[in-house]
């Protein structure tokens, strides 16, 4: 679960965490949030010094490395908006993750998570 916090200017909302990838085959990660349309995913792979925006351009390479899909996630009528990122041949290790929005995030339930990763 994550709660996005505004920066000092109040214009950028961010959550950061670390995620361990233990496969080198296909890896899928979903952002499940009512804010799916305005949040972006950034990753900093193991051994790298900077974050990379994971968008359509990120996957637009001569050798396919994945794709993004959107749609509802859940069961039995308890559906939430989701964005799923599928990575091919991902490198194992610890990834720094940043979920960010430059659009205001209105907390649906103050103090409760804005989403899950």
Protein backbone atom coordinates (compact mmCIF):
# COMPACT_ATOMS: atom_id res chain seq x y z
CA UNK A 1 0.00 0.00 0.00
CA UNK A 2 1.13 3.56 -0.54
CA UNK A 3 0.14 7.05 0.54
CA UNK A 4 1.31 9.84 -1.78
CA UNK A 5 2.66 12.91 -0.03
CA UNK A 6 3.01 16.40 -1.54
CA UNK A 7 6.44 17.98 -1.86
CA UNK A 8 7.26 21.37 -0.30
CA UNK A 9 5.60 23.20 -3.22
CA UNK A 10 2.44 21.08 -3.00
CA UNK A 11 2.66 20.46 -6.76
CA UNK A 12 4.22 17.00 -6.88
CA UNK A 13 2.82 14.02 -4.98
CA UNK A 14 5.16 11.10 -4.42
CA UNK A 15 5.59 7.73 -2.77
CA UNK A 16 8.90 5.86 -2.83
CA UNK A 17 9.78 2.32 -1.87
CA UNK A 18 11.99 -0.63 -2.72
CA UNK A 19 10.89 -3.82 -4.44
CA UNK A 20 12.90 -7.02 -4.74
CA UNK A 21 12.72 -8.81 -8.10
CA UNK A 22 13.63 -12.48 -7.83
CA UNK A 23 12.90 -13.61 -11.39
CA UNK A 24 14.66 -12.92 -14.67
CA UNK A 25 11.82 -14.08 -16.87
CA UNK A 26 8.52 -12.14 -17.07
CA UNK A 27 7.59 -9.83 -14.19
CA UNK A 28 4.24 -8.05 -13.74
CA UNK A 29 3.50 -5.25 -11.33
CA UNK A 30 0.18 -3.45 -10.97
CA UNK A 31 -0.61 -0.02 -9.60
CA UNK A 32 -4.10 -0.24 -8.16
CA UNK A 33 -5.46 3.19 -7.31
CA UNK A 34 -8.33 5.57 -7.98
CA UNK A 35 -5.57 7.90 -9.24
CA UNK A 36 -4.25 5.52 -11.93
CA UNK A 37 -4.83 8.00 -14.76
CA UNK A 38 -2.67 10.73 -13.18
CA UNK A 39 0.14 8.77 -11.53
CA UNK A 40 3.38 7.70 -13.18
CA UNK A 41 5.78 4.88 -12.30
CA UNK A 42 9.52 5.46 -12.12
CA UNK A 43 12.09 2.74 -11.48
CA UNK A 44 15.76 2.79 -10.60
CA UNK A 45 17.19 -0.63 -11.52
CA UNK A 46 19.97 -2.28 -9.50
CA UNK A 47 23.32 -0.59 -10.17
CA UNK A 48 21.79 2.55 -11.73
CA UNK A 49 21.99 6.08 -10.32
CA UNK A 50 18.82 7.57 -11.78
CA UNK A 51 15.11 6.84 -12.05
CA UNK A 52 13.47 6.04 -15.40
CA UNK A 53 9.87 6.84 -16.28
CA UNK A 54 8.09 3.61 -17.21
CA UNK A 55 5.82 4.68 -20.07
CA UNK A 56 5.16 3.57 -23.64
CA UNK A 57 8.49 5.10 -24.76
CA UNK A 58 10.31 3.05 -22.12
CA UNK A 59 9.05 -0.13 -23.81
CA UNK A 60 9.46 1.16 -27.39
CA UNK A 61 12.80 -0.48 -28.19
CA UNK A 62 14.05 -2.67 -31.07
CA UNK A 63 14.05 -5.67 -28.71
CA UNK A 64 10.64 -5.77 -26.96
CA UNK A 65 11.02 -5.39 -23.20
CA UNK A 66 7.41 -5.26 -22.07
CA UNK A 67 4.15 -3.34 -22.21
CA UNK A 68 1.57 -1.43 -20.15
CA UNK A 69 -2.10 -2.37 -19.87
CA UNK A 70 -4.94 -0.65 -18.06
CA UNK A 71 -8.23 -1.92 -16.75
CA UNK A 72 -10.12 -2.82 -13.62
CA UNK A 73 -8.64 -5.12 -10.98
CA UNK A 74 -10.60 -7.11 -8.42
CA UNK A 75 -13.31 -9.69 -7.94
CA UNK A 76 -16.98 -9.94 -7.03
CA UNK A 77 -17.89 -6.34 -7.84
CA UNK A 78 -15.02 -4.88 -5.81
CA UNK A 79 -13.20 -3.45 -8.83
CA UNK A 80 -10.48 -0.78 -8.69
CA UNK A 81 -8.71 1.07 -11.53
CA UNK A 82 -5.33 -0.49 -12.31
CA UNK A 83 -2.32 -0.06 -14.56
CA UNK A 84 -0.22 -3.20 -15.08
CA UNK A 85 3.41 -3.12 -16.18
CA UNK A 86 4.77 -6.30 -17.79
CA UNK A 87 8.56 -6.56 -18.08
CA UNK A 88 10.38 -9.17 -20.18
CA UNK A 89 13.84 -10.46 -19.19
CA UNK A 90 14.03 -8.22 -16.12
CA UNK A 91 17.25 -8.04 -14.11
CA UNK A 92 17.06 -9.55 -10.64
CA UNK A 93 17.74 -7.38 -7.61
CA UNK A 94 16.48 -4.45 -5.55
CA UNK A 95 14.58 -1.78 -7.50
CA UNK A 96 13.84 1.66 -6.14
CA UNK A 97 10.26 2.55 -7.05
CA UNK A 98 8.69 6.00 -7.29
CA UNK A 99 4.99 6.60 -7.83
CA UNK A 100 4.45 10.25 -8.71
CA UNK A 101 1.85 12.73 -9.92
CA UNK A 102 2.05 16.38 -10.90
CA UNK A 103 -1.75 16.52 -10.61
CA UNK A 104 -3.31 17.11 -7.20
CA UNK A 105 -4.09 13.91 -5.33
CA UNK A 106 -7.31 14.10 -3.36
CA UNK A 107 -7.07 11.47 -0.68
CA UNK A 108 -10.20 9.34 -0.97
CA UNK A 109 -9.91 8.40 2.71
CA UNK A 110 -7.43 10.62 4.62
CA UNK A 111 -4.84 8.49 6.38
CA UNK A 112 -5.73 5.45 4.25
CA UNK A 113 -3.62 4.20 1.32
CA UNK A 114 -3.96 5.95 -2.05
CA UNK A 115 -3.26 2.67 -3.76
CA UNK A 116 -1.28 -0.54 -3.82
CA UNK A 117 1.71 -1.69 -5.80
